[in-house]
Amino acid sequence: MSTSPNDIAYFRPAPTVDTGIPGGPILAAQLHDDLGELTPDRGRYIAVVSLLAPSSQKLAAAVFWSGAADYIEVIDVDRGRLTRVSDSELIFVDDSSARAHRDSALRAAAGIRMPVLVDTRPDDAGRRRISNDVYDLPWRIGTRLGSAAGYLGALRTEPESVRAHRLRWEQRIFTDLHAGVYRAGFLERQSEYERQVLDVAGFLADLDAAVAAEAYLGGAAPGLADLWAFTLLVRFDHVYGPLFRLHALRLTDYPALLDYVRRLYRDPVLRATTDFDAITLGYYYGISSLRRSVVPLGVRDRYLLTDAVSAVVRTTARNAGRDHE
């Protein structure tokens, strides 16, 4: 956990976490941050993301959930610039400007794992300042660039009791779910594997009970912990279950949890940034030990849809070999 000068905290995992495999969640050794203080200058920053990964989805959504899209241009490496066209719809625009900005940012961030936030204004030495600190950035964007109307703008005035509740959930979401699915997928001892499956099942049951009691982990409105949770849960039945030996567990077996994910999927930002084609191709090709010559046809979003939610527009993913989480 880290704190800022104004004592608003966010969760950060320990420097080393056993996931059973190199890769997976971004850990301390892969973090880079010389970005400095964020300032509300229009168009100053570029966030480059690859939406197969939950950390990329979390960063992209954090920009819009903070009301910071005037300051940060979000560009997916394959689909282009994420653009809001109405209160209920966001689309990707893949034009020459988006491609030029993407290429410039990626050159500046060469060798740094995505997602990255790049300052377009060079420092005194002519270097671009960059961060891929996926634990700090959503919190920093919400507190430094967020508006009061944005979900993450509420972090500015978060009461101590609410913060403590959020941090407990963020820690469990990372430890018991994000790192947990990797341990289940790659631990080599049968007893350790079975214990890990039970741990993941226990977490899902606890989360199911929590969202049965109140709509979101932060109360009446979604917040940072919900963003953490959604980006992982929306991948659970799709890739974590079948790929990481967790097929005994299904999101659809937890009624309140399924309703919770469906409720979040109604949000236009989360809906636009959920790309099942990219997720399927990225995980089945991005993890060498699981790579096969055939990528299975994955689930679509039908299990997340209700009458109030329109289907997402799907595009062909071109994410083979990108970092996975």
Protein backbone atom coordinates (compact mmCIF):
# COMPACT_ATOMS: atom_id res chain seq x y z
CA MET A 1 0.00 0.00 0.00
CA SER A 2 1.27 3.48 -0.80
CA THR A 3 0.22 6.91 0.35
CA SER A 4 0.42 10.32 -1.19
CA PRO A 5 1.14 13.61 0.55
CA ASN A 6 -2.58 14.07 1.11
CA ASP A 7 -2.84 10.55 2.59
CA ILE A 8 -5.07 8.97 -0.04
CA ALA A 9 -3.87 5.40 -0.44
CA TYR A 10 -3.89 2.70 -3.08
CA PHE A 11 -2.97 -0.96 -3.06
CA ARG A 12 0.43 -2.13 -4.29
CA PRO A 13 1.53 -5.78 -4.16
CA ALA A 14 4.72 -6.98 -2.55
CA PRO A 15 7.84 -6.79 -4.75
CA THR A 16 7.79 -10.55 -5.28
CA VAL A 17 4.63 -12.61 -5.63
CA ASP A 18 4.59 -16.33 -6.39
CA THR A 19 2.33 -16.88 -9.39
CA GLY A 20 3.87 -20.19 -10.45
CA ILE A 21 5.11 -18.72 -13.76
CA PRO A 22 7.16 -15.76 -14.97
CA GLY A 23 4.82 -13.10 -16.28
CA GLY A 24 1.24 -12.71 -15.23
CA PRO A 25 0.44 -9.67 -13.08
CA ILE A 26 2.88 -6.79 -13.46
CA LEU A 27 5.21 -6.74 -10.45
CA ALA A 28 7.80 -4.31 -9.10
CA ALA A 29 10.66 -5.43 -11.35
CA GLN A 30 8.64 -4.49 -14.45
CA LEU A 31 7.43 -1.11 -13.22
CA HIS A 32 8.86 2.14 -14.56
CA ASP A 33 7.78 5.58 -13.39
CA ASP A 34 9.51 8.90 -13.98
CA LEU A 35 6.29 10.67 -14.94
CA GLY A 36 6.21 13.18 -12.12
CA GLU A 37 3.17 15.19 -11.10
CA LEU A 38 0.19 14.99 -13.44
CA THR A 39 -1.12 18.37 -14.55
CA PRO A 40 -4.52 19.12 -16.15
CA ASP A 41 -3.23 20.29 -19.53
CA ARG A 42 -5.47 19.41 -22.45
CA GLY A 43 -4.04 16.65 -24.65
CA ARG A 44 -0.79 16.42 -22.72
CA TYR A 45 -0.71 12.64 -22.09
CA ILE A 46 -1.09 9.50 -24.18
CA ALA A 47 -2.07 6.14 -22.69
CA VAL A 48 -1.17 3.22 -24.94
CA VAL A 49 -2.98 0.01 -24.03
CA SER A 50 -3.57 -3.51 -25.32
CA LEU A 51 -7.04 -4.57 -24.29
CA LEU A 52 -6.30 -8.26 -23.99
CA ALA A 53 -4.80 -7.45 -20.55
CA PRO A 54 -6.79 -6.44 -17.45
CA SER A 55 -4.24 -3.78 -16.47
CA SER A 56 -4.69 -2.10 -19.85
CA GLN A 57 -8.45 -2.19 -19.53
CA LYS A 58 -8.16 -0.79 -16.02
CA LEU A 59 -6.00 2.13 -17.16
CA ALA A 60 -8.21 2.93 -20.16
CA ALA A 61 -11.35 2.82 -18.04
CA ALA A 62 -9.73 4.86 -15.25
CA VAL A 63 -9.19 7.75 -17.65
CA PHE A 64 -12.88 7.91 -18.53
CA TRP A 65 -14.12 7.01 -15.04
CA SER A 66 -12.09 9.97 -13.76
CA GLY A 67 -13.39 12.41 -16.36
CA ALA A 68 -9.81 12.91 -17.53
CA ALA A 69 -10.20 12.19 -21.26
CA ASP A 70 -9.49 15.84 -22.10
CA TYR A 71 -6.01 15.41 -20.68
CA ILE A 72 -5.21 11.80 -21.63
CA GLU A 73 -5.66 10.31 -25.09
CA VAL A 74 -6.31 6.56 -24.81
CA ILE A 75 -5.05 4.52 -27.78
CA ASP A 76 -5.33 0.76 -28.17
CA VAL A 77 -2.39 -0.61 -30.15
CA ASP A 78 -4.68 -2.28 -32.69
CA ARG A 79 -8.02 -0.50 -32.58
CA GLY A 80 -7.02 3.14 -32.35
CA ARG A 81 -8.19 6.04 -30.21
CA LEU A 82 -10.98 5.45 -27.70
CA THR A 83 -13.49 8.24 -28.28
CA ARG A 84 -16.73 9.08 -26.53
CA VAL A 85 -19.47 9.88 -29.04
CA SER A 86 -22.32 10.12 -26.51
CA ASP A 87 -23.06 9.47 -22.85
CA SER A 88 -23.90 5.87 -23.73
CA GLU A 89 -21.37 5.04 -26.44
CA LEU A 90 -17.61 4.97 -26.97
CA ILE A 91 -15.92 3.85 -30.16
CA PHE A 92 -12.39 3.29 -31.41
CA VAL A 93 -11.16 5.55 -34.20
CA ASP A 94 -8.18 4.15 -36.10
CA ASP A 95 -6.96 7.13 -38.12
CA SER A 96 -3.55 8.44 -39.12
CA SER A 97 -3.38 10.76 -36.11
CA ALA A 98 -4.04 7.93 -33.66
CA ARG A 99 -1.44 5.72 -35.34
CA ALA A 100 1.16 8.50 -35.31
CA HIS A 101 0.56 9.22 -31.63
CA ARG A 102 0.68 5.50 -30.82
CA ASP A 103 3.95 4.98 -32.68
CA SER A 104 5.56 8.03 -31.08
CA ALA A 105 4.54 6.93 -27.59
CA LEU A 106 5.72 3.35 -28.16
CA ARG A 107 9.10 4.55 -29.39
CA ALA A 108 9.49 6.62 -26.24
CA ALA A 109 8.45 3.65 -24.10
CA ALA A 110 10.54 1.02 -25.90
CA GLY A 111 11.35 -1.87 -23.57
CA ILE A 112 8.67 -0.90 -21.02
CA ARG A 113 5.77 -3.28 -20.56
CA MET A 114 2.35 -1.96 -21.51
CA PRO A 115 0.15 -0.25 -20.61
CA VAL A 116 2.09 3.01 -20.56
CA LEU A 117 1.20 6.62 -19.88
CA VAL A 118 3.50 9.00 -21.78
CA ASP A 119 3.93 12.73 -21.22
CA THR A 120 4.07 14.36 -24.66
CA ARG A 121 6.13 17.24 -23.28
CA PRO A 122 9.81 16.28 -23.04
CA ASP A 123 11.86 17.13 -19.99
CA ASP A 124 14.84 19.49 -20.05
CA ALA A 125 17.02 16.72 -21.48
CA GLY A 126 14.55 16.03 -24.28
CA ARG A 127 13.29 12.76 -22.81
CA ARG A 128 9.66 11.72 -22.56
CA ARG A 129 8.47 10.95 -19.03
CA ILE A 130 6.68 7.63 -18.76
CA SER A 131 4.88 5.41 -16.26
CA ASN A 132 3.53 1.89 -16.49
CA ASP A 133 2.75 1.74 -12.76
CA VAL A 134 -0.67 0.16 -13.08
CA TYR A 135 -1.22 0.28 -9.32
CA ASP A 136 -0.51 3.98 -8.95
CA LEU A 137 -1.88 5.39 -12.21
CA PRO A 138 -5.66 4.84 -11.78
CA TRP A 139 -5.48 6.36 -8.31
CA ARG A 140 -3.22 9.22 -9.45
CA ILE A 141 -5.43 10.02 -12.45
CA GLY A 142 -8.52 10.03 -10.26
CA THR A 143 -7.04 12.26 -7.58
CA ARG A 144 -4.99 14.61 -9.79
CA LEU A 145 -7.02 14.89 -12.97
CA GLY A 146 -10.42 13.54 -11.97
CA SER A 147 -13.57 15.61 -11.82
CA ALA A 148 -16.09 15.46 -9.01
CA ALA A 149 -18.57 13.91 -11.44
CA GLY A 150 -16.25 10.98 -12.27
CA TYR A 151 -16.42 7.72 -10.35
CA LEU A 152 -12.72 7.91 -9.47
CA GLY A 153 -12.92 11.62 -8.74
CA ALA A 154 -14.51 10.52 -5.46
CA LEU A 155 -11.05 9.35 -4.36
CA ARG A 156 -10.20 13.01 -3.68
CA THR A 157 -12.55 13.17 -0.69
CA GLU A 158 -12.69 9.49 0.28
CA PRO A 159 -13.42 8.97 4.01
CA GLU A 160 -10.94 6.88 5.97
CA SER A 161 -13.46 4.09 6.59
CA VAL A 162 -14.31 3.85 2.88
CA ARG A 163 -10.63 3.84 1.96
CA ALA A 164 -9.86 1.02 4.39
CA HIS A 165 -12.77 -1.03 3.00
CA ARG A 166 -11.58 -0.43 -0.57
CA LEU A 167 -8.00 -1.38 0.20
CA ARG A 168 -9.04 -4.66 1.81
CA TRP A 169 -10.91 -5.61 -1.34
CA GLU A 170 -8.12 -4.47 -3.67
CA GLN A 171 -5.63 -6.61 -1.75
CA ARG A 172 -7.88 -9.67 -1.92
CA ILE A 173 -8.71 -9.12 -5.59
CA PHE A 174 -5.01 -9.12 -6.42
CA THR A 175 -3.84 -11.85 -4.05
CA ASP A 176 -6.76 -14.28 -4.14
CA LEU A 177 -7.95 -13.72 -7.70
CA HIS A 178 -5.32 -12.22 -10.01
CA ALA A 179 -2.29 -14.02 -8.58
CA GLY A 180 -4.52 -16.91 -7.52
CA VAL A 181 -5.61 -17.89 -11.02
CA TYR A 182 -1.98 -18.06 -12.13
CA ARG A 183 -1.00 -20.21 -9.17
CA ALA A 184 -3.88 -22.57 -9.96
CA GLY A 185 -2.75 -22.71 -13.57
CA PHE A 186 0.93 -23.34 -13.06
CA LEU A 187 1.68 -24.87 -9.65
CA GLU A 188 3.08 -28.35 -10.20
CA ARG A 189 2.09 -30.22 -7.02
CA GLN A 190 -1.42 -31.65 -6.95
CA SER A 191 -1.99 -30.72 -3.31
CA GLU A 192 -0.90 -27.12 -3.88
CA TYR A 193 -3.09 -26.86 -6.96
CA GLU A 194 -6.17 -28.19 -5.17
CA ARG A 195 -5.59 -25.84 -2.23
CA GLN A 196 -5.34 -22.91 -4.63
CA VAL A 197 -8.60 -23.83 -6.37
CA LEU A 198 -10.30 -23.86 -2.96
CA ASP A 199 -8.78 -20.46 -2.18
CA VAL A 200 -10.13 -18.97 -5.42
CA ALA A 201 -13.52 -20.56 -4.75
CA GLY A 202 -13.55 -19.05 -1.27
CA PHE A 203 -12.77 -15.62 -2.65
CA LEU A 204 -15.54 -15.84 -5.25
CA ALA A 205 -18.00 -16.90 -2.54
CA ASP A 206 -16.98 -13.97 -0.33
CA LEU A 207 -17.27 -11.53 -3.22
CA ASP A 208 -20.65 -13.01 -4.17
CA ALA A 209 -21.88 -12.38 -0.63
CA ALA A 210 -20.51 -8.83 -0.61
CA VAL A 211 -22.20 -7.76 -3.84
CA ALA A 212 -25.42 -9.44 -2.75
CA ALA A 213 -25.43 -7.09 0.24
CA GLU A 214 -24.67 -3.86 -1.64
CA ALA A 215 -24.46 -2.91 -5.30
CA TYR A 216 -20.74 -2.15 -5.44
CA LEU A 217 -17.66 -2.73 -3.33
CA GLY A 218 -17.48 0.98 -2.61
CA GLY A 219 -21.19 1.37 -1.82
CA ALA A 220 -23.85 2.91 -4.04
CA ALA A 221 -21.53 3.83 -6.94
CA PRO A 222 -18.69 1.89 -8.57
CA GLY A 223 -15.15 2.76 -7.60
CA LEU A 224 -11.55 1.65 -7.92
CA ALA A 225 -12.03 -1.77 -6.31
CA ASP A 226 -14.90 -2.49 -8.70
CA LEU A 227 -12.66 -1.59 -11.63
CA TRP A 228 -10.05 -4.05 -10.37
CA ALA A 229 -12.69 -6.74 -9.92
CA PHE A 230 -14.47 -6.32 -13.24
CA THR A 231 -11.36 -6.48 -15.42
CA LEU A 232 -10.52 -9.89 -13.92
CA LEU A 233 -13.99 -11.36 -13.52
CA VAL A 234 -14.96 -10.63 -17.13
CA ARG A 235 -12.01 -12.87 -18.13
CA PHE A 236 -12.77 -15.66 -15.66
CA ASP A 237 -15.16 -17.95 -17.54
CA HIS A 238 -13.55 -16.91 -20.81
CA VAL A 239 -9.85 -17.69 -20.24
CA TYR A 240 -8.92 -18.14 -16.58
CA GLY A 241 -11.27 -21.08 -16.05
CA PRO A 242 -10.44 -23.19 -19.12
CA LEU A 243 -6.76 -22.23 -19.42
CA PHE A 244 -5.71 -22.14 -15.78
CA ARG A 245 -7.34 -25.38 -14.58
CA LEU A 246 -10.20 -23.58 -12.84
CA HIS A 247 -12.97 -25.12 -14.91
CA ALA A 248 -14.59 -26.43 -11.70
CA LEU A 249 -15.52 -22.79 -11.00
CA ARG A 250 -17.79 -20.66 -13.13
CA LEU A 251 -18.94 -17.10 -12.70
CA THR A 252 -22.41 -18.25 -13.68
CA ASP A 253 -22.55 -20.37 -10.50
CA TYR A 254 -22.48 -17.24 -8.32
CA PRO A 255 -25.81 -15.44 -8.95
CA ALA A 256 -25.05 -12.17 -7.16
CA LEU A 257 -21.57 -12.02 -8.66
CA LEU A 258 -22.91 -12.60 -12.16
CA ASP A 259 -25.47 -9.83 -11.66
CA TYR A 260 -22.67 -7.57 -10.41
CA VAL A 261 -20.54 -8.16 -13.52
CA ARG A 262 -23.58 -7.66 -15.74
CA ARG A 263 -24.35 -4.41 -13.93
CA LEU A 264 -20.82 -3.15 -14.51
CA TYR A 265 -20.90 -4.30 -18.13
CA ARG A 266 -23.77 -1.89 -18.71
CA ASP A 267 -21.27 0.92 -18.21
CA PRO A 268 -20.35 2.14 -21.71
CA VAL A 269 -16.66 2.51 -20.83
CA LEU A 270 -16.32 -1.06 -19.58
CA ARG A 271 -18.39 -2.40 -22.45
CA ALA A 272 -16.28 -0.62 -25.07
CA THR A 273 -13.00 -1.78 -23.53
CA THR A 274 -14.02 -5.45 -23.23
CA ASP A 275 -12.70 -7.14 -26.38
CA PHE A 276 -13.30 -10.89 -26.17
CA ASP A 277 -11.54 -11.58 -29.47
CA ALA A 278 -8.38 -9.85 -28.25
CA ILE A 279 -8.58 -11.65 -24.91
CA THR A 280 -8.92 -15.09 -26.53
CA LEU A 281 -6.09 -14.64 -28.99
CA GLY A 282 -3.83 -12.93 -26.47
CA TYR A 283 -4.05 -15.61 -23.81
CA TYR A 284 -3.94 -18.63 -26.10
CA TYR A 285 -0.95 -17.26 -28.01
CA GLY A 286 0.62 -15.06 -25.36
CA ILE A 287 1.46 -17.85 -22.90
CA SER A 288 4.03 -20.06 -24.61
CA SER A 289 3.44 -23.11 -22.41
CA LEU A 290 -0.25 -23.07 -23.34
CA ARG A 291 0.16 -22.20 -27.00
CA ARG A 292 -1.63 -24.39 -29.50
CA SER A 293 -1.87 -24.22 -33.27
CA VAL A 294 -5.60 -23.56 -33.01
CA VAL A 295 -7.24 -20.72 -31.08
CA PRO A 296 -10.67 -21.83 -29.83
CA LEU A 297 -13.80 -19.92 -30.58
CA GLY A 298 -14.46 -18.09 -27.33
CA VAL A 299 -17.62 -17.06 -25.57
CA ARG A 300 -19.25 -13.85 -26.64
CA ASP A 301 -20.99 -11.44 -24.32
CA ARG A 302 -24.42 -13.06 -24.35
CA TYR A 303 -24.11 -14.22 -20.75
CA LEU A 304 -23.47 -10.60 -19.71
CA LEU A 305 -26.32 -9.08 -21.65
CA THR A 306 -29.72 -8.10 -20.34
CA ASP A 307 -32.47 -6.24 -22.12
CA ALA A 308 -30.87 -2.98 -20.98
CA VAL A 309 -27.52 -3.74 -22.60
CA SER A 310 -26.80 -3.67 -26.31
CA ALA A 311 -24.22 -6.01 -27.79
CA VAL A 312 -20.69 -4.73 -28.21
CA VAL A 313 -19.20 -4.24 -31.63
CA ARG A 314 -16.59 -6.93 -32.19
CA THR A 315 -13.51 -6.67 -34.27
CA THR A 316 -10.91 -9.20 -35.30
CA ALA A 317 -8.10 -9.21 -32.75
CA ARG A 318 -4.50 -8.96 -33.86
CA ASN A 319 -2.81 -9.34 -30.50
CA ALA A 320 -0.80 -12.55 -30.89
CA GLY A 321 2.20 -12.61 -28.59
CA ARG A 322 1.36 -9.57 -26.45
CA ASP A 323 1.90 -9.53 -22.71
CA HIS A 324 -0.74 -11.46 -20.86
CA GLU A 325 -2.14 -11.18 -17.37
